PDB file of N, CA and C in Angstrom:
ATOM      1  N   UNK A   1     -16.825  31.229 -22.342  1.00  0.00           N
ATOM      2  CA  UNK A   1     -16.100  30.741 -23.363  1.00  0.00           C
ATOM      3  C   UNK A   1     -16.894  29.201 -24.391  1.00  0.00           C
ATOM      4  N   UNK A   2     -16.800  29.092 -25.509  1.00  0.00           N
ATOM      5  CA  UNK A   2     -17.666  27.839 -25.968  1.00  0.00           C
ATOM      6  C   UNK A   2     -17.044  26.842 -26.083  1.00  0.00           C
ATOM      7  N   UNK A   3     -17.522  25.705 -25.612  1.00  0.00           N
ATOM      8  CA  UNK A   3     -16.410  25.081 -25.362  1.00  0.00           C
ATOM      9  C   UNK A   3     -15.734  24.491 -27.595  1.00  0.00           C
ATOM     10  N   UNK A   4     -15.511  23.720 -27.717  1.00  0.00           N
ATOM     11  CA  UNK A   4     -14.748  22.974 -28.973  1.00  0.00           C
ATOM     12  C   UNK A   4     -15.860  21.737 -29.613  1.00  0.00           C
ATOM     13  N   UNK A   5     -15.678  20.678 -30.254  1.00  0.00           N
ATOM     14  CA  UNK A   5     -15.995  20.440 -30.440  1.00  0.00           C
ATOM     15  C   UNK A   5     -15.564  19.416 -29.798  1.00  0.00           C
ATOM     16  N   UNK A   6     -13.607  18.957 -29.866  1.00  0.00           N
ATOM     17  CA  UNK A   6     -13.275  18.143 -28.955  1.00  0.00           C
ATOM     18  C   UNK A   6     -13.596  18.164 -27.289  1.00  0.00           C
ATOM     19  N   UNK A   7     -13.238  19.330 -27.073  1.00  0.00           N
ATOM     20  CA  UNK A   7     -13.822  19.263 -25.589  1.00  0.00           C
ATOM     21  C   UNK A   7     -15.299  19.397 -25.691  1.00  0.00           C
ATOM     22  N   UNK A   8     -16.882  19.476 -25.681  1.00  0.00           N
ATOM     23  CA  UNK A   8     -17.795  18.605 -25.610  1.00  0.00           C
ATOM     24  C   UNK A   8     -17.418  16.866 -26.248  1.00  0.00           C
ATOM     25  N   UNK A   9     -16.958  16.139 -27.032  1.00  0.00           N
ATOM     26  CA  UNK A   9     -16.080  14.931 -26.959  1.00  0.00           C
ATOM     27  C   UNK A   9     -15.878  14.214 -25.418  1.00  0.00           C
ATOM     28  N   UNK A  10     -15.283  15.225 -24.767  1.00  0.00           N
ATOM     29  CA  UNK A  10     -14.372  14.705 -24.553  1.00  0.00           C
ATOM     30  C   UNK A  10     -15.186  14.804 -22.552  1.00  0.00           C
ATOM     31  N   UNK A  11     -16.217  15.489 -22.749  1.00  0.00           N
ATOM     32  CA  UNK A  11     -16.754  15.634 -21.630  1.00  0.00           C
ATOM     33  C   UNK A  11     -18.195  14.441 -21.290  1.00  0.00           C
ATOM     34  N   UNK A  12     -18.287  14.878 -23.156  1.00  0.00           N
ATOM     35  CA  UNK A  12     -19.720  13.430 -23.114  1.00  0.00           C
ATOM     36  C   UNK A  12     -19.249  12.182 -22.632  1.00  0.00           C
ATOM     37  N   UNK A  13     -17.898  11.937 -23.052  1.00  0.00           N
ATOM     38  CA  UNK A  13     -17.446  10.301 -22.877  1.00  0.00           C
ATOM     39  C   UNK A  13     -16.893  10.869 -21.513  1.00  0.00           C
ATOM     40  N   UNK A  14     -16.503  11.614 -20.180  1.00  0.00           N
ATOM     41  CA  UNK A  14     -16.479  11.754 -19.040  1.00  0.00           C
ATOM     42  C   UNK A  14     -17.965  11.448 -18.759  1.00  0.00           C
ATOM     43  N   UNK A  15     -18.919  11.824 -19.359  1.00  0.00           N
ATOM     44  CA  UNK A  15     -20.428  11.859 -18.015  1.00  0.00           C
ATOM     45  C   UNK A  15     -20.959  10.513 -18.644  1.00  0.00           C
ATOM     46  N   UNK A  16     -20.520   9.502 -19.385  1.00  0.00           N
ATOM     47  CA  UNK A  16     -21.605   8.774 -20.162  1.00  0.00           C
ATOM     48  C   UNK A  16     -20.398   7.131 -19.018  1.00  0.00           C
ATOM     49  N   UNK A  17     -18.947   7.507 -19.044  1.00  0.00           N
ATOM     50  CA  UNK A  17     -18.385   6.022 -18.069  1.00  0.00           C
ATOM     51  C   UNK A  17     -19.121   5.877 -17.316  1.00  0.00           C
ATOM     52  N   UNK A  18     -19.685   4.136 -16.371  1.00  0.00           N
ATOM     53  CA  UNK A  18     -20.388   2.957 -15.882  1.00  0.00           C
ATOM     54  C   UNK A  18     -21.555   4.049 -16.116  1.00  0.00           C
ATOM     55  N   UNK A  19     -22.545   4.540 -16.511  1.00  0.00           N
ATOM     56  CA  UNK A  19     -24.111   4.655 -16.537  1.00  0.00           C
ATOM     57  C   UNK A  19     -24.600   4.775 -17.788  1.00  0.00           C
ATOM     58  N   UNK A  20     -26.014   5.041 -17.759  1.00  0.00           N
ATOM     59  CA  UNK A  20     -26.803   5.339 -18.336  1.00  0.00           C
ATOM     60  C   UNK A  20     -27.218   6.394 -18.231  1.00  0.00           C
ATOM     61  N   UNK A  21     -26.797   6.988 -19.773  1.00  0.00           N
ATOM     62  CA  UNK A  21     -27.145   8.544 -19.227  1.00  0.00           C
ATOM     63  C   UNK A  21     -28.517   9.194 -20.748  1.00  0.00           C
ATOM     64  N   UNK A  22     -29.765   9.531 -20.559  1.00  0.00           N
ATOM     65  CA  UNK A  22     -30.677  10.488 -20.997  1.00  0.00           C
ATOM     66  C   UNK A  22     -29.654  11.446 -22.013  1.00  0.00           C
ATOM     67  N   UNK A  23     -29.935  11.890 -22.948  1.00  0.00           N
ATOM     68  CA  UNK A  23     -30.066  13.655 -23.356  1.00  0.00           C
ATOM     69  C   UNK A  23     -30.600  14.485 -22.039  1.00  0.00           C
ATOM     70  N   UNK A  24     -30.819  14.901 -22.499  1.00  0.00           N
ATOM     71  CA  UNK A  24     -31.293  15.874 -21.170  1.00  0.00           C
ATOM     72  C   UNK A  24     -30.110  16.254 -19.674  1.00  0.00           C
ATOM     73  N   UNK A  25     -30.073  14.621 -19.762  1.00  0.00           N
ATOM     74  CA  UNK A  25     -29.163  14.941 -18.654  1.00  0.00           C
ATOM     75  C   UNK A  25     -27.280  14.472 -18.474  1.00  0.00           C
ATOM     76  N   UNK A  26     -27.343  14.404 -20.186  1.00  0.00           N
ATOM     77  CA  UNK A  26     -25.918  14.869 -20.802  1.00  0.00           C
ATOM     78  C   UNK A  26     -25.554  16.062 -20.950  1.00  0.00           C
ATOM     79  N   UNK A  27     -27.302  16.529 -21.885  1.00  0.00           N
ATOM     80  CA  UNK A  27     -26.723  18.175 -21.880  1.00  0.00           C
ATOM     81  C   UNK A  27     -26.661  18.686 -20.755  1.00  0.00           C
ATOM     82  N   UNK A  28     -26.938  18.572 -19.829  1.00  0.00           N
ATOM     83  CA  UNK A  28     -27.058  19.275 -18.076  1.00  0.00           C
ATOM     84  C   UNK A  28     -25.779  19.348 -17.940  1.00  0.00           C
ATOM     85  N   UNK A  29     -25.392  17.621 -17.723  1.00  0.00           N
ATOM     86  CA  UNK A  29     -23.272  17.831 -17.164  1.00  0.00           C
ATOM     87  C   UNK A  29     -22.852  17.912 -18.098  1.00  0.00           C
ATOM     88  N   UNK A  30     -22.403  18.472 -18.924  1.00  0.00           N
ATOM     89  CA  UNK A  30     -21.727  18.611 -20.192  1.00  0.00           C
ATOM     90  C   UNK A  30     -22.693  20.687 -20.455  1.00  0.00           C
ATOM     91  N   UNK A  31     -23.522  21.407 -19.035  1.00  0.00           N
ATOM     92  CA  UNK A  31     -23.427  22.770 -20.024  1.00  0.00           C
ATOM     93  C   UNK A  31     -23.938  22.928 -21.124  1.00  0.00           C
ATOM     94  N   UNK A  32     -24.482  22.309 -21.574  1.00  0.00           N
ATOM     95  CA  UNK A  32     -24.709  22.295 -23.676  1.00  0.00           C
ATOM     96  C   UNK A  32     -25.871  22.317 -23.986  1.00  0.00           C
ATOM     97  N   UNK A  33     -26.831  22.858 -24.456  1.00  0.00           N
ATOM     98  CA  UNK A  33     -28.307  22.385 -25.020  1.00  0.00           C
ATOM     99  C   UNK A  33     -28.117  21.653 -25.659  1.00  0.00           C
ATOM    100  N   UNK A  34     -29.463  21.095 -25.596  1.00  0.00           N
ATOM    101  CA  UNK A  34     -29.907  18.763 -26.207  1.00  0.00           C
ATOM    102  C   UNK A  34     -29.508  18.770 -27.762  1.00  0.00           C
ATOM    103  N   UNK A  35     -30.109  20.750 -28.503  1.00  0.00           N
ATOM    104  CA  UNK A  35     -30.144  20.357 -29.693  1.00  0.00           C
ATOM    105  C   UNK A  35     -28.207  20.187 -30.714  1.00  0.00           C
ATOM    106  N   UNK A  36     -27.178  20.655 -29.510  1.00  0.00           N
ATOM    107  CA  UNK A  36     -26.109  19.744 -30.143  1.00  0.00           C
ATOM    108  C   UNK A  36     -25.746  18.934 -29.769  1.00  0.00           C
ATOM    109  N   UNK A  37     -26.062  17.971 -27.886  1.00  0.00           N
ATOM    110  CA  UNK A  37     -25.325  17.392 -27.773  1.00  0.00           C
ATOM    111  C   UNK A  37     -26.125  15.517 -27.865  1.00  0.00           C
ATOM    112  N   UNK A  38     -27.443  15.890 -28.783  1.00  0.00           N
ATOM    113  CA  UNK A  38     -27.641  15.539 -29.959  1.00  0.00           C
ATOM    114  C   UNK A  38     -27.251  14.864 -30.979  1.00  0.00           C
ATOM    115  N   UNK A  39     -26.724  15.932 -31.760  1.00  0.00           N
ATOM    116  CA  UNK A  39     -25.592  16.722 -33.388  1.00  0.00           C
ATOM    117  C   UNK A  39     -23.853  15.551 -32.922  1.00  0.00           C
ATOM    118  N   UNK A  40     -24.103  15.560 -31.746  1.00  0.00           N
ATOM    119  CA  UNK A  40     -22.315  14.862 -31.119  1.00  0.00           C
ATOM    120  C   UNK A  40     -22.827  13.266 -30.410  1.00  0.00           C
ATOM    121  N   UNK A  41     -23.625  13.713 -30.206  1.00  0.00           N
ATOM    122  CA  UNK A  41     -23.990  11.678 -30.185  1.00  0.00           C
ATOM    123  C   UNK A  41     -24.274  11.197 -31.618  1.00  0.00           C
ATOM    124  N   UNK A  42     -25.127  11.906 -31.902  1.00  0.00           N
ATOM    125  CA  UNK A  42     -25.049  11.331 -33.600  1.00  0.00           C
ATOM    126  C   UNK A  42     -23.662  10.362 -34.239  1.00  0.00           C
ATOM    127  N   UNK A  43     -22.290  11.308 -33.891  1.00  0.00           N
ATOM    128  CA  UNK A  43     -21.447  11.201 -34.414  1.00  0.00           C
ATOM    129  C   UNK A  43     -21.182  10.042 -33.704  1.00  0.00           C
ATOM    130  N   UNK A  44     -20.648  10.486 -32.615  1.00  0.00           N
ATOM    131  CA  UNK A  44     -20.067   8.733 -31.738  1.00  0.00           C
ATOM    132  C   UNK A  44     -20.897   7.835 -31.542  1.00  0.00           C
ATOM    133  N   UNK A  45     -21.902   7.659 -32.037  1.00  0.00           N
ATOM    134  CA  UNK A  45     -22.629   6.430 -32.376  1.00  0.00           C
ATOM    135  C   UNK A  45     -22.267   5.766 -33.517  1.00  0.00           C
ATOM    136  N   UNK A  46     -22.309   6.910 -34.954  1.00  0.00           N
ATOM    137  CA  UNK A  46     -21.944   6.561 -36.041  1.00  0.00           C
ATOM    138  C   UNK A  46     -19.917   6.139 -35.894  1.00  0.00           C
ATOM    139  N   UNK A  47     -19.068   6.117 -35.088  1.00  0.00           N
ATOM    140  CA  UNK A  47     -18.062   5.538 -34.700  1.00  0.00           C
ATOM    141  C   UNK A  47     -18.199   4.550 -33.317  1.00  0.00           C
ATOM    142  N   UNK A  48     -19.466   3.668 -33.457  1.00  0.00           N
ATOM    143  CA  UNK A  48     -19.185   3.066 -32.747  1.00  0.00           C
ATOM    144  C   UNK A  48     -18.502   3.564 -31.120  1.00  0.00           C
ATOM    145  N   UNK A  49     -18.768   4.474 -30.737  1.00  0.00           N
ATOM    146  CA  UNK A  49     -17.970   4.941 -29.068  1.00  0.00           C
ATOM    147  C   UNK A  49     -19.053   4.779 -28.292  1.00  0.00           C
ATOM    148  N   UNK A  50     -21.053   5.082 -28.526  1.00  0.00           N
ATOM    149  CA  UNK A  50     -21.541   5.058 -27.946  1.00  0.00           C
ATOM    150  C   UNK A  50     -22.913   4.524 -27.961  1.00  0.00           C
ATOM    151  N   UNK A  51     -23.823   3.980 -27.280  1.00  0.00           N
ATOM    152  CA  UNK A  51     -24.800   2.792 -28.113  1.00  0.00           C
ATOM    153  C   UNK A  51     -26.367   3.211 -27.308  1.00  0.00           C
ATOM    154  N   UNK A  52     -26.937   3.437 -27.906  1.00  0.00           N
ATOM    155  CA  UNK A  52     -28.341   4.147 -28.103  1.00  0.00           C
ATOM    156  C   UNK A  52     -28.587   2.304 -27.248  1.00  0.00           C
ATOM    157  N   UNK A  53     -29.752   2.910 -25.497  1.00  0.00           N
ATOM    158  CA  UNK A  53     -30.084   1.828 -25.079  1.00  0.00           C
ATOM    159  C   UNK A  53     -32.208   2.266 -25.450  1.00  0.00           C
ATOM    160  N   UNK A  54     -32.924   1.640 -24.928  1.00  0.00           N
ATOM    161  CA  UNK A  54     -34.476   1.434 -24.963  1.00  0.00           C
ATOM    162  C   UNK A  54     -34.717   1.643 -24.027  1.00  0.00           C
ATOM    163  N   UNK A  55     -35.369   1.596 -22.484  1.00  0.00           N
ATOM    164  CA  UNK A  55     -35.105   1.206 -21.442  1.00  0.00           C
ATOM    165  C   UNK A  55     -36.739   2.779 -20.805  1.00  0.00           C
ATOM    166  N   UNK A  56     -37.927   1.182 -20.401  1.00  0.00           N
ATOM    167  CA  UNK A  56     -38.898   2.057 -20.470  1.00  0.00           C
ATOM    168  C   UNK A  56     -39.040   3.638 -20.284  1.00  0.00           C
ATOM    169  N   UNK A  57     -38.827   2.577 -22.442  1.00  0.00           N
ATOM    170  CA  UNK A  57     -40.309   4.122 -22.960  1.00  0.00           C
ATOM    171  C   UNK A  57     -39.075   4.943 -23.198  1.00  0.00           C
ATOM    172  N   UNK A  58     -38.179   5.174 -22.618  1.00  0.00           N
ATOM    173  CA  UNK A  58     -36.736   6.547 -22.405  1.00  0.00           C
ATOM    174  C   UNK A  58     -36.232   5.820 -23.075  1.00  0.00           C
ATOM    175  N   UNK A  59     -35.002   6.276 -23.686  1.00  0.00           N
ATOM    176  CA  UNK A  59     -33.487   6.964 -24.909  1.00  0.00           C
ATOM    177  C   UNK A  59     -32.367   6.188 -23.592  1.00  0.00           C
ATOM    178  N   UNK A  60     -31.423   5.418 -23.199  1.00  0.00           N
ATOM    179  CA  UNK A  60     -30.243   5.980 -22.143  1.00  0.00           C
ATOM    180  C   UNK A  60     -28.992   6.061 -22.991  1.00  0.00           C
ATOM    181  N   UNK A  61     -27.755   6.757 -23.188  1.00  0.00           N
ATOM    182  CA  UNK A  61     -27.226   5.803 -23.561  1.00  0.00           C
ATOM    183  C   UNK A  61     -25.768   5.806 -22.816  1.00  0.00           C
ATOM    184  N   UNK A  62     -24.709   5.108 -23.499  1.00  0.00           N
ATOM    185  CA  UNK A  62     -24.060   4.695 -22.828  1.00  0.00           C
ATOM    186  C   UNK A  62     -23.117   3.968 -24.032  1.00  0.00           C
ATOM    187  N   UNK A  63     -21.391   4.292 -22.912  1.00  0.00           N
ATOM    188  CA  UNK A  63     -20.119   4.111 -24.003  1.00  0.00           C
ATOM    189  C   UNK A  63     -20.155   2.546 -24.043  1.00  0.00           C
ATOM    190  N   UNK A  64     -19.682   2.384 -25.472  1.00  0.00           N
ATOM    191  CA  UNK A  64     -19.329   0.840 -25.909  1.00  0.00           C
ATOM    192  C   UNK A  64     -18.086   0.536 -25.430  1.00  0.00           C
ATOM    193  N   UNK A  65     -17.607  -0.098 -25.354  1.00  0.00           N
ATOM    194  CA  UNK A  65     -15.770  -0.914 -25.618  1.00  0.00           C
ATOM    195  C   UNK A  65     -15.037   0.287 -25.754  1.00  0.00           C
ATOM    196  N   UNK A  66     -15.397   0.428 -27.057  1.00  0.00           N
ATOM    197  CA  UNK A  66     -14.663   0.773 -27.772  1.00  0.00           C
ATOM    198  C   UNK A  66     -14.092   2.240 -26.579  1.00  0.00           C
ATOM    199  N   UNK A  67     -15.315   3.134 -27.040  1.00  0.00           N
ATOM    200  CA  UNK A  67     -15.393   4.186 -25.771  1.00  0.00           C
ATOM    201  C   UNK A  67     -14.579   4.580 -25.094  1.00  0.00           C
ATOM    202  N   UNK A  68     -14.339   3.316 -23.970  1.00  0.00           N
ATOM    203  CA  UNK A  68     -14.606   3.654 -22.817  1.00  0.00           C
ATOM    204  C   UNK A  68     -12.277   3.194 -22.717  1.00  0.00           C
ATOM    205  N   UNK A  69     -12.652   2.944 -23.813  1.00  0.00           N
ATOM    206  CA  UNK A  69     -10.821   2.772 -24.724  1.00  0.00           C
ATOM    207  C   UNK A  69     -10.365   4.350 -25.135  1.00  0.00           C
ATOM    208  N   UNK A  70     -11.759   5.132 -25.861  1.00  0.00           N
ATOM    209  CA  UNK A  70     -11.341   6.019 -26.287  1.00  0.00           C
ATOM    210  C   UNK A  70     -10.712   7.110 -24.373  1.00  0.00           C
ATOM    211  N   UNK A  71     -12.021   7.094 -24.425  1.00  0.00           N
ATOM    212  CA  UNK A  71     -12.457   8.215 -22.594  1.00  0.00           C
ATOM    213  C   UNK A  71     -10.538   7.397 -21.494  1.00  0.00           C
ATOM    214  N   UNK A  72     -10.316   6.519 -21.880  1.00  0.00           N
ATOM    215  CA  UNK A  72      -9.170   6.113 -20.701  1.00  0.00           C
ATOM    216  C   UNK A  72      -7.831   6.777 -21.447  1.00  0.00           C
ATOM    217  N   UNK A  73      -7.797   6.916 -23.063  1.00  0.00           N
ATOM    218  CA  UNK A  73      -6.551   7.863 -23.727  1.00  0.00           C
ATOM    219  C   UNK A  73      -6.720   9.028 -23.166  1.00  0.00           C
ATOM    220  N   UNK A  74      -7.642   9.616 -23.349  1.00  0.00           N
ATOM    221  CA  UNK A  74      -7.478  10.479 -23.716  1.00  0.00           C
ATOM    222  C   UNK A  74      -7.196  10.849 -21.635  1.00  0.00           C
ATOM    223  N   UNK A  75      -7.942  10.519 -21.029  1.00  0.00           N
ATOM    224  CA  UNK A  75      -7.401  10.447 -19.674  1.00  0.00           C
ATOM    225  C   UNK A  75      -5.611  10.931 -19.231  1.00  0.00           C
ATOM    226  N   UNK A  76      -5.199   9.785 -20.046  1.00  0.00           N
ATOM    227  CA  UNK A  76      -4.654   9.559 -19.708  1.00  0.00           C
ATOM    228  C   UNK A  76      -3.185  10.571 -20.201  1.00  0.00           C
ATOM    229  N   UNK A  77      -3.615  10.582 -21.580  1.00  0.00           N
ATOM    230  CA  UNK A  77      -2.327  11.916 -22.260  1.00  0.00           C
ATOM    231  C   UNK A  77      -2.583  13.030 -21.784  1.00  0.00           C
ATOM    232  N   UNK A  78      -4.023  13.370 -21.021  1.00  0.00           N
ATOM    233  CA  UNK A  78      -4.381  14.317 -20.220  1.00  0.00           C
ATOM    234  C   UNK A  78      -3.131  14.291 -19.278  1.00  0.00           C
ATOM    235  N   UNK A  79      -3.939  13.244 -17.873  1.00  0.00           N
ATOM    236  CA  UNK A  79      -2.763  13.316 -16.729  1.00  0.00           C
ATOM    237  C   UNK A  79      -0.928  14.096 -17.216  1.00  0.00           C
ATOM    238  N   UNK A  80      -1.042  13.297 -18.538  1.00  0.00           N
ATOM    239  CA  UNK A  80       0.652  13.463 -18.754  1.00  0.00           C
ATOM    240  C   UNK A  80       0.536  14.644 -19.113  1.00  0.00           C
ATOM    241  N   UNK A  81       0.628  15.462 -19.670  1.00  0.00           N
ATOM    242  CA  UNK A  81       0.745  16.845 -20.561  1.00  0.00           C
ATOM    243  C   UNK A  81       0.231  17.775 -18.792  1.00  0.00           C
ATOM    244  N   UNK A  82      -0.172  17.372 -17.937  1.00  0.00           N
ATOM    245  CA  UNK A  82      -0.461  18.415 -16.560  1.00  0.00           C
ATOM    246  C   UNK A  82       1.076  17.189 -15.968  1.00  0.00           C
ATOM    247  N   UNK A  83       1.795  16.590 -15.694  1.00  0.00           N
ATOM    248  CA  UNK A  83       2.990  16.514 -15.488  1.00  0.00           C
ATOM    249  C   UNK A  83       4.060  15.936 -15.719  1.00  0.00           C
ATOM    250  N   UNK A  84       3.892  16.417 -17.329  1.00  0.00           N
ATOM    251  CA  UNK A  84       4.944  17.330 -17.952  1.00  0.00           C
ATOM    252  C   UNK A  84       5.019  19.166 -17.824  1.00  0.00           C
ATOM    253  N   UNK A  85       4.258  19.522 -17.581  1.00  0.00           N
ATOM    254  CA  UNK A  85       4.029  20.752 -17.441  1.00  0.00           C
ATOM    255  C   UNK A  85       4.816  21.540 -15.675  1.00  0.00           C
ATOM    256  N   UNK A  86       3.649  20.154 -15.019  1.00  0.00           N
ATOM    257  CA  UNK A  86       4.636  19.809 -13.586  1.00  0.00           C
ATOM    258  C   UNK A  86       6.805  19.715 -13.601  1.00  0.00           C
ATOM    259  N   UNK A  87       7.285  18.690 -14.317  1.00  0.00           N
ATOM    260  CA  UNK A  87       8.647  18.692 -13.914  1.00  0.00           C
ATOM    261  C   UNK A  87       9.526  19.533 -15.113  1.00  0.00           C
ATOM    262  N   UNK A  88       8.403  21.021 -16.147  1.00  0.00           N
ATOM    263  CA  UNK A  88       9.085  21.720 -16.484  1.00  0.00           C
ATOM    264  C   UNK A  88       9.402  22.314 -15.861  1.00  0.00           C
ATOM    265  N   UNK A  89       8.008  23.414 -14.537  1.00  0.00           N
ATOM    266  CA  UNK A  89       8.600  23.548 -13.502  1.00  0.00           C
ATOM    267  C   UNK A  89       9.524  23.280 -12.685  1.00  0.00           C
ATOM    268  N   UNK A  90       9.309  21.548 -12.257  1.00  0.00           N
ATOM    269  CA  UNK A  90      10.011  21.578 -11.208  1.00  0.00           C
ATOM    270  C   UNK A  90      12.389  22.283 -11.256  1.00  0.00           C
ATOM    271  N   UNK A  91      12.121  21.550 -13.324  1.00  0.00           N
ATOM    272  CA  UNK A  91      13.339  21.934 -13.564  1.00  0.00           C
ATOM    273  C   UNK A  91      14.281  23.183 -13.181  1.00  0.00           C
ATOM    274  N   UNK A  92      13.314  23.986 -14.122  1.00  0.00           N
ATOM    275  CA  UNK A  92      13.679  25.845 -14.012  1.00  0.00           C
ATOM    276  C   UNK A  92      13.683  25.876 -11.942  1.00  0.00           C
ATOM    277  N   UNK A  93      13.302  25.483 -11.431  1.00  0.00           N
ATOM    278  CA  UNK A  93      13.514  26.014 -10.438  1.00  0.00           C
ATOM    279  C   UNK A  93      14.418  24.862  -9.759  1.00  0.00           C
ATOM    280  N   UNK A  94      15.119  23.840 -10.176  1.00  0.00           N
ATOM    281  CA  UNK A  94      16.619  23.168  -9.834  1.00  0.00           C
ATOM    282  C   UNK A  94      17.096  23.169 -10.834  1.00  0.00           C
ATOM    283  N   UNK A  95      17.550  24.392 -11.357  1.00  0.00           N
ATOM    284  CA  UNK A  95      18.292  24.697 -11.828  1.00  0.00           C
ATOM    285  C   UNK A  95      19.071  26.587 -11.508  1.00  0.00           C
ATOM    286  N   UNK A  96      18.188  26.826 -11.472  1.00  0.00           N
ATOM    287  CA  UNK A  96      17.951  28.228  -9.930  1.00  0.00           C
ATOM    288  C   UNK A  96      19.087  28.048  -8.634  1.00  0.00           C
ATOM    289  N   UNK A  97      18.891  27.155  -8.038  1.00  0.00           N
ATOM    290  CA  UNK A  97      19.377  26.904  -7.199  1.00  0.00           C
ATOM    291  C   UNK A  97      21.220  26.491  -7.357  1.00  0.00           C
ATOM    292  N   UNK A  98      21.482  26.923  -6.057  1.00  0.00           N
ATOM    293  CA  UNK A  98      23.517  26.255  -6.578  1.00  0.00           C
ATOM    294  C   UNK A  98      23.056  25.185  -5.979  1.00  0.00           C
ATOM    295  N   UNK A  99      23.982  24.262  -6.864  1.00  0.00           N
ATOM    296  CA  UNK A  99      25.030  23.261  -7.095  1.00  0.00           C
ATOM    297  C   UNK A  99      25.445  22.869  -5.516  1.00  0.00           C
ATOM    298  N   UNK A 100      25.466  22.101  -5.371  1.00  0.00           N
ATOM    299  CA  UNK A 100      26.164  21.669  -3.284  1.00  0.00           C
ATOM    300  C   UNK A 100      27.719  21.306  -4.022  1.00  0.00           C
ATOM    301  N   UNK A 101      27.655  21.234  -4.893  1.00  0.00           N
ATOM    302  CA  UNK A 101      29.597  21.115  -5.946  1.00  0.00           C
ATOM    303  C   UNK A 101      29.862  22.439  -5.139  1.00  0.00           C
ATOM    304  N   UNK A 102      29.171  23.769  -5.459  1.00  0.00           N
ATOM    305  CA  UNK A 102      29.022  24.651  -5.673  1.00  0.00           C
ATOM    306  C   UNK A 102      29.064  25.155  -4.251  1.00  0.00           C
ATOM    307  N   UNK A 103      27.880  24.916  -3.850  1.00  0.00           N
ATOM    308  CA  UNK A 103      28.089  25.368  -1.725  1.00  0.00           C
ATOM    309  C   UNK A 103      29.856  24.290  -1.179  1.00  0.00           C
ATOM    310  N   UNK A 104      30.552  24.033  -1.913  1.00  0.00           N
ATOM    311  CA  UNK A 104      30.838  22.987  -0.726  1.00  0.00           C
ATOM    312  C   UNK A 104      32.111  24.044  -1.225  1.00  0.00           C
ATOM    313  N   UNK A 105      32.594  23.894  -2.064  1.00  0.00           N
ATOM    314  CA  UNK A 105      33.945  25.444  -2.565  1.00  0.00           C
ATOM    315  C   UNK A 105      33.849  26.223  -2.269  1.00  0.00           C
ATOM    316  N   UNK A 106      32.721  27.116  -1.677  1.00  0.00           N
ATOM    317  CA  UNK A 106      32.421  29.104  -1.078  1.00  0.00           C
ATOM    318  C   UNK A 106      32.988  28.732   0.235  1.00  0.00           C
ATOM    319  N   UNK A 107      32.801  26.815   0.806  1.00  0.00           N
ATOM    320  CA  UNK A 107      32.782  26.863   2.324  1.00  0.00           C
ATOM    321  C   UNK A 107      34.111  26.542   2.612  1.00  0.00           C
ATOM    322  N   UNK A 108      35.052  25.935   1.234  1.00  0.00           N
ATOM    323  CA  UNK A 108      35.749  25.634   1.111  1.00  0.00           C
ATOM    324  C   UNK A 108      36.950  26.401   0.933  1.00  0.00           C
ATOM    325  N   UNK A 109      36.684  27.605   0.649  1.00  0.00           N
ATOM    326  CA  UNK A 109      38.135  29.217   0.747  1.00  0.00           C
ATOM    327  C   UNK A 109      37.784  29.547   2.169  1.00  0.00           C
ATOM    328  N   UNK A 110      38.774  30.373   2.236  1.00  0.00           N
ATOM    329  CA  UNK A 110      39.528  31.080   3.418  1.00  0.00           C
ATOM    330  C   UNK A 110      39.184  32.729   3.452  1.00  0.00           C
ATOM    331  N   UNK A 111      38.008  32.715   4.975  1.00  0.00           N
ATOM    332  CA  UNK A 111      37.991  34.081   4.861  1.00  0.00           C
ATOM    333  C   UNK A 111      38.954  35.015   3.416  1.00  0.00           C
ATOM    334  N   UNK A 112      38.631  36.178   3.421  1.00  0.00           N
ATOM    335  CA  UNK A 112      39.302  37.211   3.148  1.00  0.00           C
ATOM    336  C   UNK A 112      39.727  38.214   4.516  1.00  0.00           C
ATOM    337  N   UNK A 113      41.713  38.565   4.429  1.00  0.00           N
ATOM    338  CA  UNK A 113      41.259  39.602   5.517  1.00  0.00           C
ATOM    339  C   UNK A 113      41.199  41.008   4.686  1.00  0.00           C
ATOM    340  N   UNK A 114      41.421  41.679   5.419  1.00  0.00           N
ATOM    341  CA  UNK A 114      41.423  43.497   4.903  1.00  0.00           C
ATOM    342  C   UNK A 114      42.486  43.804   5.685  1.00  0.00           C
ATOM    343  N   UNK A 115      43.770  44.051   4.521  1.00  0.00           N
ATOM    344  CA  UNK A 115      44.854  44.043   5.074  1.00  0.00           C
ATOM    345  C   UNK A 115      45.064  45.553   5.471  1.00  0.00           C
ATOM    346  N   UNK A 116      43.637  46.345   5.228  1.00  0.00           N
ATOM    347  CA  UNK A 116      43.797  47.938   6.175  1.00  0.00           C
ATOM    348  C   UNK A 116      42.938  48.336   7.055  1.00  0.00           C
ATOM    349  N   UNK A 117      43.383  47.274   7.559  1.00  0.00           N
ATOM    350  CA  UNK A 117      42.567  46.874   8.820  1.00  0.00           C
ATOM    351  C   UNK A 117      42.987  46.748  10.190  1.00  0.00           C
TER     352      UNK A 117
END
């Protein structure tokens, strides 16, 4: 299935964390073609999330401080969503378990005697 624009932006920001990357490397890490990466890079540069750097006749890209902040926010949001899903599963499991009070009540009841014995 094809990635959405947002997913591609997230992948690109993740690939650019703490390093300088060329378009080819970025396309490889994001598993997409160079043309799509170039279009998305233009948008990220325009919004001051990525900066273009010239190094030895080669163009490399890196995150700006604003880009790092956006990446951290997206990462935290993703972790919180996973945690929220885990909490829902645990909550459902806890509701299915009998409570301690119910167990104590059952243990306190005297055993029934069968009068037909």
